[in-house]
Amino acid sequence: PNPRFKGVTGLGPRGDAIAEADWCLGELLKTLEKE
């Protein structure tokens, strides 16, 4: 995961990668709303 997600879950890189994916999903939803 990008360094800004490092340690956000306490579950190591696997958990942080899932948190990153969730954030990406949120940003995609924002784009659909914006457009």
PDB file of all heavy atoms in Angstrom:
ATOM      1  N   PRO A   1       0.823  -1.211   0.000  1.00  0.00           N
ATOM      2  CA  PRO A   1       0.000   0.000   0.000  1.00  0.00           C
ATOM      3  C   PRO A   1       0.856   1.260   0.000  1.00  0.00           C
ATOM      4  O   PRO A   1       2.014   1.244   0.439  1.00  0.00           O
ATOM      5  CB  PRO A   1      -0.803  -0.124   1.298  1.00  0.00           C
ATOM      6  CG  PRO A   1       0.019  -1.020   2.176  1.00  0.00           C
ATOM      7  CD  PRO A   1       0.673  -1.992   1.233  1.00  0.00           C
ATOM      8  N   ASN A   2       0.297   2.329  -0.506  1.00  0.00           N
ATOM      9  CA  ASN A   2       0.978   3.617  -0.473  1.00  0.00           C
ATOM     10  C   ASN A   2       1.371   3.953   0.970  1.00  0.00           C
ATOM     11  O   ASN A   2       0.628   3.623   1.904  1.00  0.00           O
ATOM     12  CB  ASN A   2       0.053   4.687  -1.042  1.00  0.00           C
ATOM     13  CG  ASN A   2       0.762   6.004  -1.262  1.00  0.00           C
ATOM     14  OD1 ASN A   2       1.028   6.743  -0.312  1.00  0.00           O
ATOM     15  ND2 ASN A   2       1.065   6.297  -2.507  1.00  0.00           N
ATOM     16  N   PRO A   3       2.520   4.584   1.180  1.00  0.00           N
ATOM     17  CA  PRO A   3       2.973   4.899   2.552  1.00  0.00           C
ATOM     18  C   PRO A   3       1.938   5.618   3.407  1.00  0.00           C
ATOM     19  O   PRO A   3       1.965   5.483   4.638  1.00  0.00           O
ATOM     20  CB  PRO A   3       4.204   5.784   2.304  1.00  0.00           C
ATOM     21  CG  PRO A   3       4.749   5.306   1.005  1.00  0.00           C
ATOM     22  CD  PRO A   3       3.545   4.948   0.168  1.00  0.00           C
ATOM     23  N   ARG A   4       1.028   6.380   2.794  1.00  0.00           N
ATOM     24  CA  ARG A   4       0.037   7.094   3.615  1.00  0.00           C
ATOM     25  C   ARG A   4      -0.966   6.142   4.283  1.00  0.00           C
ATOM     26  O   ARG A   4      -1.711   6.546   5.178  1.00  0.00           O
ATOM     27  CB  ARG A   4      -0.701   8.141   2.784  1.00  0.00           C
ATOM     28  CG  ARG A   4      -1.585   7.609   1.691  1.00  0.00           C
ATOM     29  CD  ARG A   4      -2.236   8.770   0.926  1.00  0.00           C
ATOM     30  NE  ARG A   4      -3.158   8.322  -0.089  1.00  0.00           N
ATOM     31  CZ  ARG A   4      -2.833   7.971  -1.321  1.00  0.00           C
ATOM     32  NH1 ARG A   4      -1.547   8.030  -1.694  1.00  0.00           N
ATOM     33  NH2 ARG A   4      -3.732   7.567  -2.180  1.00  0.00           N
ATOM     34  N   PHE A   5      -0.962   4.863   3.858  1.00  0.00           N
ATOM     35  CA  PHE A   5      -1.855   3.877   4.486  1.00  0.00           C
ATOM     36  C   PHE A   5      -1.096   2.956   5.447  1.00  0.00           C
ATOM     37  O   PHE A   5      -1.707   2.088   6.070  1.00  0.00           O
ATOM     38  CB  PHE A   5      -2.545   3.026   3.413  1.00  0.00           C
ATOM     39  CG  PHE A   5      -3.554   3.788   2.610  1.00  0.00           C
ATOM     40  CD1 PHE A   5      -3.206   4.326   1.384  1.00  0.00           C
ATOM     41  CD2 PHE A   5      -4.833   3.992   3.089  1.00  0.00           C
ATOM     42  CE1 PHE A   5      -4.122   5.043   0.632  1.00  0.00           C
ATOM     43  CE2 PHE A   5      -5.759   4.714   2.353  1.00  0.00           C
ATOM     44  CZ  PHE A   5      -5.408   5.247   1.122  1.00  0.00           C
ATOM     45  N   LYS A   6       0.207   3.149   5.548  1.00  0.00           N
ATOM     46  CA  LYS A   6       1.004   2.265   6.378  1.00  0.00           C
ATOM     47  C   LYS A   6       0.583   2.354   7.844  1.00  0.00           C
ATOM     48  O   LYS A   6       0.565   3.430   8.438  1.00  0.00           O
ATOM     49  CB  LYS A   6       2.495   2.604   6.246  1.00  0.00           C
ATOM     50  CG  LYS A   6       3.399   1.635   6.998  1.00  0.00           C
ATOM     51  CD  LYS A   6       4.873   1.951   6.776  1.00  0.00           C
ATOM     52  CE  LYS A   6       5.771   0.966   7.508  1.00  0.00           C
ATOM     53  NZ  LYS A   6       7.212   1.252   7.300  1.00  0.00           N
ATOM     54  N   GLY A   7       0.225   1.224   8.406  1.00  0.00           N
ATOM     55  CA  GLY A   7      -0.121   1.142   9.821  1.00  0.00           C
ATOM     56  C   GLY A   7      -1.528   1.565  10.178  1.00  0.00           C
ATOM     57  O   GLY A   7      -1.888   1.571  11.364  1.00  0.00           O
ATOM     58  N   VAL A   8      -2.375   1.902   9.207  1.00  0.00           N
ATOM     59  CA  VAL A   8      -3.703   2.439   9.541  1.00  0.00           C
ATOM     60  C   VAL A   8      -4.632   1.385  10.133  1.00  0.00           C
ATOM     61  O   VAL A   8      -5.596   1.714  10.829  1.00  0.00           O
ATOM     62  CB  VAL A   8      -4.376   3.095   8.310  1.00  0.00           C
ATOM     63  CG1 VAL A   8      -3.580   4.294   7.844  1.00  0.00           C
ATOM     64  CG2 VAL A   8      -4.580   2.094   7.188  1.00  0.00           C
ATOM     65  N   THR A   9      -4.355   0.097   9.868  1.00  0.00           N
ATOM     66  CA  THR A   9      -5.253  -0.939  10.381  1.00  0.00           C
ATOM     67  C   THR A   9      -4.679  -1.720  11.548  1.00  0.00           C
ATOM     68  O   THR A   9      -5.438  -2.362  12.284  1.00  0.00           O
ATOM     69  CB  THR A   9      -5.590  -1.953   9.271  1.00  0.00           C
ATOM     70  OG1 THR A   9      -4.390  -2.654   8.874  1.00  0.00           O
ATOM     71  CG2 THR A   9      -6.198  -1.259   8.061  1.00  0.00           C
ATOM     72  N   GLY A  10      -3.360  -1.688  11.692  1.00  0.00           N
ATOM     73  CA  GLY A  10      -2.731  -2.503  12.724  1.00  0.00           C
ATOM     74  C   GLY A  10      -2.634  -3.965  12.337  1.00  0.00           C
ATOM     75  O   GLY A  10      -2.188  -4.796  13.134  1.00  0.00           O
ATOM     76  N   LEU A  11      -3.047  -4.312  11.130  1.00  0.00           N
ATOM     77  CA  LEU A  11      -3.036  -5.697  10.674  1.00  0.00           C
ATOM     78  C   LEU A  11      -1.893  -5.977   9.703  1.00  0.00           C
ATOM     79  O   LEU A  11      -1.880  -7.012   9.034  1.00  0.00           O
ATOM     80  CB  LEU A  11      -4.373  -6.040  10.001  1.00  0.00           C
ATOM     81  CG  LEU A  11      -5.615  -5.968  10.892  1.00  0.00           C
ATOM     82  CD1 LEU A  11      -6.874  -6.266  10.079  1.00  0.00           C
ATOM     83  CD2 LEU A  11      -5.503  -6.952  12.045  1.00  0.00           C
ATOM     84  N   GLY A  12      -0.959  -5.035   9.598  1.00  0.00           N
ATOM     85  CA  GLY A  12       0.140  -5.225   8.661  1.00  0.00           C
ATOM     86  C   GLY A  12      -0.250  -4.826   7.245  1.00  0.00           C
ATOM     87  O   GLY A  12      -1.354  -4.313   7.002  1.00  0.00           O
ATOM     88  N   PRO A  13       0.648  -5.063   6.286  1.00  0.00           N
ATOM     89  CA  PRO A  13       0.398  -4.638   4.907  1.00  0.00           C
ATOM     90  C   PRO A  13      -0.881  -5.207   4.289  1.00  0.00           C
ATOM     91  O   PRO A  13      -1.502  -4.543   3.459  1.00  0.00           O
ATOM     92  CB  PRO A  13       1.634  -5.150   4.167  1.00  0.00           C
ATOM     93  CG  PRO A  13       2.710  -5.173   5.198  1.00  0.00           C
ATOM     94  CD  PRO A  13       2.020  -5.582   6.465  1.00  0.00           C
ATOM     95  N   ARG A  14      -1.281  -6.419   4.686  1.00  0.00           N
ATOM     96  CA  ARG A  14      -2.510  -6.959   4.100  1.00  0.00           C
ATOM     97  C   ARG A  14      -3.724  -6.125   4.505  1.00  0.00           C
ATOM     98  O   ARG A  14      -4.538  -5.734   3.668  1.00  0.00           O
ATOM     99  CB  ARG A  14      -2.722  -8.423   4.515  1.00  0.00           C
ATOM    100  CG  ARG A  14      -3.950  -9.028   3.824  1.00  0.00           C
ATOM    101  CD  ARG A  14      -4.186 -10.493   4.183  1.00  0.00           C
ATOM    102  NE  ARG A  14      -5.283 -11.016   3.371  1.00  0.00           N
ATOM    103  CZ  ARG A  14      -6.563 -10.887   3.671  1.00  0.00           C
ATOM    104  NH1 ARG A  14      -6.924 -10.265   4.801  1.00  0.00           N
ATOM    105  NH2 ARG A  14      -7.504 -11.364   2.869  1.00  0.00           N
ATOM    106  N   GLY A  15      -3.834  -5.842   5.780  1.00  0.00           N
ATOM    107  CA  GLY A  15      -4.951  -5.010   6.238  1.00  0.00           C
ATOM    108  C   GLY A  15      -4.886  -3.617   5.655  1.00  0.00           C
ATOM    109  O   GLY A  15      -5.907  -3.048   5.243  1.00  0.00           O
ATOM    110  N   ASP A  16      -3.675  -3.055   5.593  1.00  0.00           N
ATOM    111  CA  ASP A  16      -3.508  -1.701   5.059  1.00  0.00           C
ATOM    112  C   ASP A  16      -3.862  -1.654   3.570  1.00  0.00           C
ATOM    113  O   ASP A  16      -4.393  -0.656   3.079  1.00  0.00           O
ATOM    114  CB  ASP A  16      -2.074  -1.222   5.280  1.00  0.00           C
ATOM    115  CG  ASP A  16      -1.717  -1.101   6.754  1.00  0.00           C
ATOM    116  OD1 ASP A  16      -2.638  -1.130   7.597  1.00  0.00           O
ATOM    117  OD2 ASP A  16      -0.522  -0.990   7.062  1.00  0.00           O
ATOM    118  N   ALA A  17      -3.560  -2.735   2.840  1.00  0.00           N
ATOM    119  CA  ALA A  17      -3.898  -2.794   1.417  1.00  0.00           C
ATOM    120  C   ALA A  17      -5.414  -2.815   1.218  1.00  0.00           C
ATOM    121  O   ALA A  17      -5.942  -2.233   0.260  1.00  0.00           O
ATOM    122  CB  ALA A  17      -3.266  -4.025   0.770  1.00  0.00           C
ATOM    123  N   ILE A  18      -6.124  -3.471   2.123  1.00  0.00           N
ATOM    124  CA  ILE A  18      -7.590  -3.492   2.043  1.00  0.00           C
ATOM    125  C   ILE A  18      -8.148  -2.101   2.353  1.00  0.00           C
ATOM    126  O   ILE A  18      -9.082  -1.627   1.702  1.00  0.00           O
ATOM    127  CB  ILE A  18      -8.170  -4.557   2.991  1.00  0.00           C
ATOM    128  CG1 ILE A  18      -7.764  -5.956   2.512  1.00  0.00           C
ATOM    129  CG2 ILE A  18      -9.693  -4.442   3.071  1.00  0.00           C
ATOM    130  CD1 ILE A  18      -8.136  -7.077   3.463  1.00  0.00           C
ATOM    131  N   ALA A  19      -7.546  -1.429   3.343  1.00  0.00           N
ATOM    132  CA  ALA A  19      -7.959  -0.054   3.655  1.00  0.00           C
ATOM    133  C   ALA A  19      -7.724   0.860   2.457  1.00  0.00           C
ATOM    134  O   ALA A  19      -8.537   1.736   2.150  1.00  0.00           O
ATOM    135  CB  ALA A  19      -7.202   0.458   4.879  1.00  0.00           C
ATOM    136  N   GLU A  20      -6.595   0.664   1.769  1.00  0.00           N
ATOM    137  CA  GLU A  20      -6.290   1.439   0.579  1.00  0.00           C
ATOM    138  C   GLU A  20      -7.317   1.176  -0.518  1.00  0.00           C
ATOM    139  O   GLU A  20      -7.804   2.103  -1.182  1.00  0.00           O
ATOM    140  CB  GLU A  20      -4.895   1.078   0.075  1.00  0.00           C
ATOM    141  CG  GLU A  20      -4.483   1.799  -1.207  1.00  0.00           C
ATOM    142  CD  GLU A  20      -3.150   1.297  -1.730  1.00  0.00           C
ATOM    143  OE1 GLU A  20      -3.014   0.067  -1.926  1.00  0.00           O
ATOM    144  OE2 GLU A  20      -2.245   2.121  -1.937  1.00  0.00           O
ATOM    145  N   ALA A  21      -7.668  -0.095  -0.709  1.00  0.00           N
ATOM    146  CA  ALA A  21      -8.664  -0.449  -1.720  1.00  0.00           C
ATOM    147  C   ALA A  21     -10.016   0.186  -1.395  1.00  0.00           C
ATOM    148  O   ALA A  21     -10.724   0.670  -2.291  1.00  0.00           O
ATOM    149  CB  ALA A  21      -8.805  -1.966  -1.806  1.00  0.00           C
ATOM    150  N   ASP A  22     -10.360   0.204  -0.125  1.00  0.00           N
ATOM    151  CA  ASP A  22     -11.631   0.818   0.286  1.00  0.00           C
ATOM    152  C   ASP A  22     -11.624   2.316  -0.024  1.00  0.00           C
ATOM    153  O   ASP A  22     -12.621   2.873  -0.498  1.00  0.00           O
ATOM    154  CB  ASP A  22     -11.855   0.585   1.782  1.00  0.00           C
ATOM    155  CG  ASP A  22     -13.215   1.076   2.241  1.00  0.00           C
ATOM    156  OD1 ASP A  22     -14.205   0.363   2.006  1.00  0.00           O
ATOM    157  OD2 ASP A  22     -13.275   2.183   2.806  1.00  0.00           O
ATOM    158  N   TRP A  23     -10.494   2.961   0.233  1.00  0.00           N
ATOM    159  CA  TRP A  23     -10.363   4.394  -0.087  1.00  0.00           C
ATOM    160  C   TRP A  23     -10.502   4.620  -1.583  1.00  0.00           C
ATOM    161  O   TRP A  23     -11.184   5.563  -2.021  1.00  0.00           O
ATOM    162  CB  TRP A  23      -9.010   4.907   0.402  1.00  0.00           C
ATOM    163  CG  TRP A  23      -8.747   6.329   0.013  1.00  0.00           C
ATOM    164  CD1 TRP A  23      -9.173   7.456   0.661  1.00  0.00           C
ATOM    165  CD2 TRP A  23      -8.009   6.787  -1.139  1.00  0.00           C
ATOM    166  NE1 TRP A  23      -8.750   8.584  -0.013  1.00  0.00           N
ATOM    167  CE2 TRP A  23      -8.042   8.200  -1.118  1.00  0.00           C
ATOM    168  CE3 TRP A  23      -7.346   6.135  -2.166  1.00  0.00           C
ATOM    169  CZ2 TRP A  23      -7.418   8.974  -2.101  1.00  0.00           C
ATOM    170  CZ3 TRP A  23      -6.724   6.894  -3.139  1.00  0.00           C
ATOM    171  CH2 TRP A  23      -6.760   8.301  -3.104  1.00  0.00           C
ATOM    172  N   CYS A  24      -9.867   3.761  -2.394  1.00  0.00           N
ATOM    173  CA  CYS A  24      -9.979   3.877  -3.856  1.00  0.00           C
ATOM    174  C   CYS A  24     -11.431   3.779  -4.294  1.00  0.00           C
ATOM    175  O   CYS A  24     -11.887   4.530  -5.177  1.00  0.00           O
ATOM    176  CB  CYS A  24      -9.160   2.785  -4.537  1.00  0.00           C
ATOM    177  SG  CYS A  24      -7.366   2.979  -4.409  1.00  0.00           S
ATOM    178  N   LEU A  25     -12.169   2.855  -3.689  1.00  0.00           N
ATOM    179  CA  LEU A  25     -13.588   2.712  -4.012  1.00  0.00           C
ATOM    180  C   LEU A  25     -14.344   3.993  -3.693  1.00  0.00           C
ATOM    181  O   LEU A  25     -15.173   4.457  -4.483  1.00  0.00           O
ATOM    182  CB  LEU A  25     -14.178   1.534  -3.226  1.00  0.00           C
ATOM    183  CG  LEU A  25     -15.690   1.320  -3.361  1.00  0.00           C
ATOM    184  CD1 LEU A  25     -16.079   1.084  -4.815  1.00  0.00           C
ATOM    185  CD2 LEU A  25     -16.125   0.145  -2.484  1.00  0.00           C
ATOM    186  N   GLY A  26     -14.035   4.596  -2.545  1.00  0.00           N
ATOM    187  CA  GLY A  26     -14.681   5.855  -2.168  1.00  0.00           C
ATOM    188  C   GLY A  26     -14.388   6.966  -3.154  1.00  0.00           C
ATOM    189  O   GLY A  26     -15.278   7.752  -3.516  1.00  0.00           O
ATOM    190  N   GLU A  27     -13.138   7.045  -3.612  1.00  0.00           N
ATOM    191  CA  GLU A  27     -12.771   8.069  -4.596  1.00  0.00           C
ATOM    192  C   GLU A  27     -13.464   7.833  -5.934  1.00  0.00           C
ATOM    193  O   GLU A  27     -13.857   8.785  -6.617  1.00  0.00           O
ATOM    194  CB  GLU A  27     -11.250   8.084  -4.786  1.00  0.00           C
ATOM    195  CG  GLU A  27     -10.469   8.536  -3.562  1.00  0.00           C
ATOM    196  CD  GLU A  27     -10.869   9.925  -3.093  1.00  0.00           C
ATOM    197  OE1 GLU A  27     -10.712  10.877  -3.890  1.00  0.00           O
ATOM    198  OE2 GLU A  27     -11.344  10.045  -1.955  1.00  0.00           O
ATOM    199  N   LEU A  28     -13.633   6.577  -6.299  1.00  0.00           N
ATOM    200  CA  LEU A  28     -14.337   6.260  -7.545  1.00  0.00           C
ATOM    201  C   LEU A  28     -15.803   6.686  -7.450  1.00  0.00           C
ATOM    202  O   LEU A  28     -16.364   7.242  -8.409  1.00  0.00           O
ATOM    203  CB  LEU A  28     -14.241   4.766  -7.842  1.00  0.00           C
ATOM    204  CG  LEU A  28     -14.659   4.378  -9.265  1.00  0.00           C
ATOM    205  CD1 LEU A  28     -13.531   4.690 -10.243  1.00  0.00           C
ATOM    206  CD2 LEU A  28     -15.024   2.897  -9.340  1.00  0.00           C
ATOM    207  N   LEU A  29     -16.413   6.455  -6.301  1.00  0.00           N
ATOM    208  CA  LEU A  29     -17.798   6.876  -6.097  1.00  0.00           C
ATOM    209  C   LEU A  29     -17.919   8.398  -6.187  1.00  0.00           C
ATOM    210  O   LEU A  29     -18.878   8.926  -6.754  1.00  0.00           O
ATOM    211  CB  LEU A  29     -18.306   6.382  -4.736  1.00  0.00           C
ATOM    212  CG  LEU A  29     -18.502   4.868  -4.597  1.00  0.00           C
ATOM    213  CD1 LEU A  29     -18.829   4.514  -3.150  1.00  0.00           C
ATOM    214  CD2 LEU A  29     -19.600   4.373  -5.524  1.00  0.00           C
ATOM    215  N   LYS A  30     -16.930   9.099  -5.642  1.00  0.00           N
ATOM    216  CA  LYS A  30     -16.931  10.564  -5.727  1.00  0.00           C
ATOM    217  C   LYS A  30     -16.879  11.022  -7.180  1.00  0.00           C
ATOM    218  O   LYS A  30     -17.544  11.998  -7.558  1.00  0.00           O
ATOM    219  CB  LYS A  30     -15.742  11.144  -4.959  1.00  0.00           C
ATOM    220  CG  LYS A  30     -15.843  11.041  -3.449  1.00  0.00           C
ATOM    221  CD  LYS A  30     -14.588  11.610  -2.781  1.00  0.00           C
ATOM    222  CE  LYS A  30     -14.616  11.441  -1.268  1.00  0.00           C
ATOM    223  NZ  LYS A  30     -13.357  11.942  -0.651  1.00  0.00           N
ATOM    224  N   THR A  31     -16.100  10.332  -7.988  1.00  0.00           N
ATOM    225  CA  THR A  31     -16.000  10.689  -9.407  1.00  0.00           C
ATOM    226  C   THR A  31     -17.332  10.471 -10.109  1.00  0.00           C
ATOM    227  O   THR A  31     -17.774  11.316 -10.907  1.00  0.00           O
ATOM    228  CB  THR A  31     -14.904   9.854 -10.094  1.00  0.00           C
ATOM    229  OG1 THR A  31     -13.645  10.138  -9.480  1.00  0.00           O
ATOM    230  CG2 THR A  31     -14.817  10.169 -11.583  1.00  0.00           C
ATOM    231  N   LEU A  32     -17.991   9.361  -9.827  1.00  0.00           N
ATOM    232  CA  LEU A  32     -19.299   9.095 -10.427  1.00  0.00           C
ATOM    233  C   LEU A  32     -20.313  10.160 -10.019  1.00  0.00           C
ATOM    234  O   LEU A  32     -21.131  10.610 -10.840  1.00  0.00           O
ATOM    235  CB  LEU A  32     -19.794   7.704 -10.013  1.00  0.00           C
ATOM    236  CG  LEU A  32     -19.017   6.517 -10.589  1.00  0.00           C
ATOM    237  CD1 LEU A  32     -19.408   5.228  -9.879  1.00  0.00           C
ATOM    238  CD2 LEU A  32     -19.269   6.384 -12.090  1.00  0.00           C
ATOM    239  N   GLU A  33     -20.227  10.597  -8.763  1.00  0.00           N
ATOM    240  CA  GLU A  33     -21.128  11.661  -8.291  1.00  0.00           C
ATOM    241  C   GLU A  33     -20.796  12.990  -8.964  1.00  0.00           C
ATOM    242  O   GLU A  33     -21.686  13.710  -9.435  1.00  0.00           O
ATOM    243  CB  GLU A  33     -21.006  11.791  -6.762  1.00  0.00           C
ATOM    244  CG  GLU A  33     -21.634  10.642  -6.007  1.00  0.00           C
ATOM    245  CD  GLU A  33     -21.412  10.746  -4.504  1.00  0.00           C
ATOM    246  OE1 GLU A  33     -20.271  11.010  -4.076  1.00  0.00           O
ATOM    247  OE2 GLU A  33     -22.392  10.568  -3.757  1.00  0.00           O
ATOM    248  N   LYS A  34     -19.526  13.329  -8.998  1.00  0.00           N
ATOM    249  CA  LYS A  34     -19.075  14.590  -9.586  1.00  0.00           C
ATOM    250  C   LYS A  34     -19.478  14.689 -11.050  1.00  0.00           C
ATOM    251  O   LYS A  34     -19.882  15.769 -11.524  1.00  0.00           O
ATOM    252  CB  LYS A  34     -17.555  14.707  -9.458  1.00  0.00           C
ATOM    253  CG  LYS A  34     -16.966  15.957 -10.106  1.00  0.00           C
ATOM    254  CD  LYS A  34     -15.450  15.951 -10.028  1.00  0.00           C
ATOM    255  CE  LYS A  34     -14.846  17.129 -10.791  1.00  0.00           C
ATOM    256  NZ  LYS A  34     -13.350  17.070 -10.779  1.00  0.00           N
ATOM    257  N   GLU A  35     -19.380  13.594 -11.771  1.00  0.00           N
ATOM    258  CA  GLU A  35     -19.709  13.596 -13.195  1.00  0.00           C
ATOM    259  C   GLU A  35     -21.208  13.432 -13.448  1.00  0.00           C
ATOM    260  O   GLU A  35     -21.654  13.416 -14.596  1.00  0.00           O
ATOM    261  CB  GLU A  35     -18.939  12.483 -13.917  1.00  0.00           C
ATOM    262  CG  GLU A  35     -17.430  12.602 -13.825  1.00  0.00           C
ATOM    263  CD  GLU A  35     -16.886  13.881 -14.453  1.00  0.00           C
ATOM    264  OE1 GLU A  35     -17.636  14.558 -15.189  1.00  0.00           O
ATOM    265  OE2 GLU A  35     -15.710  14.220 -14.202  1.00  0.00           O
TER     266      GLU A  35
END
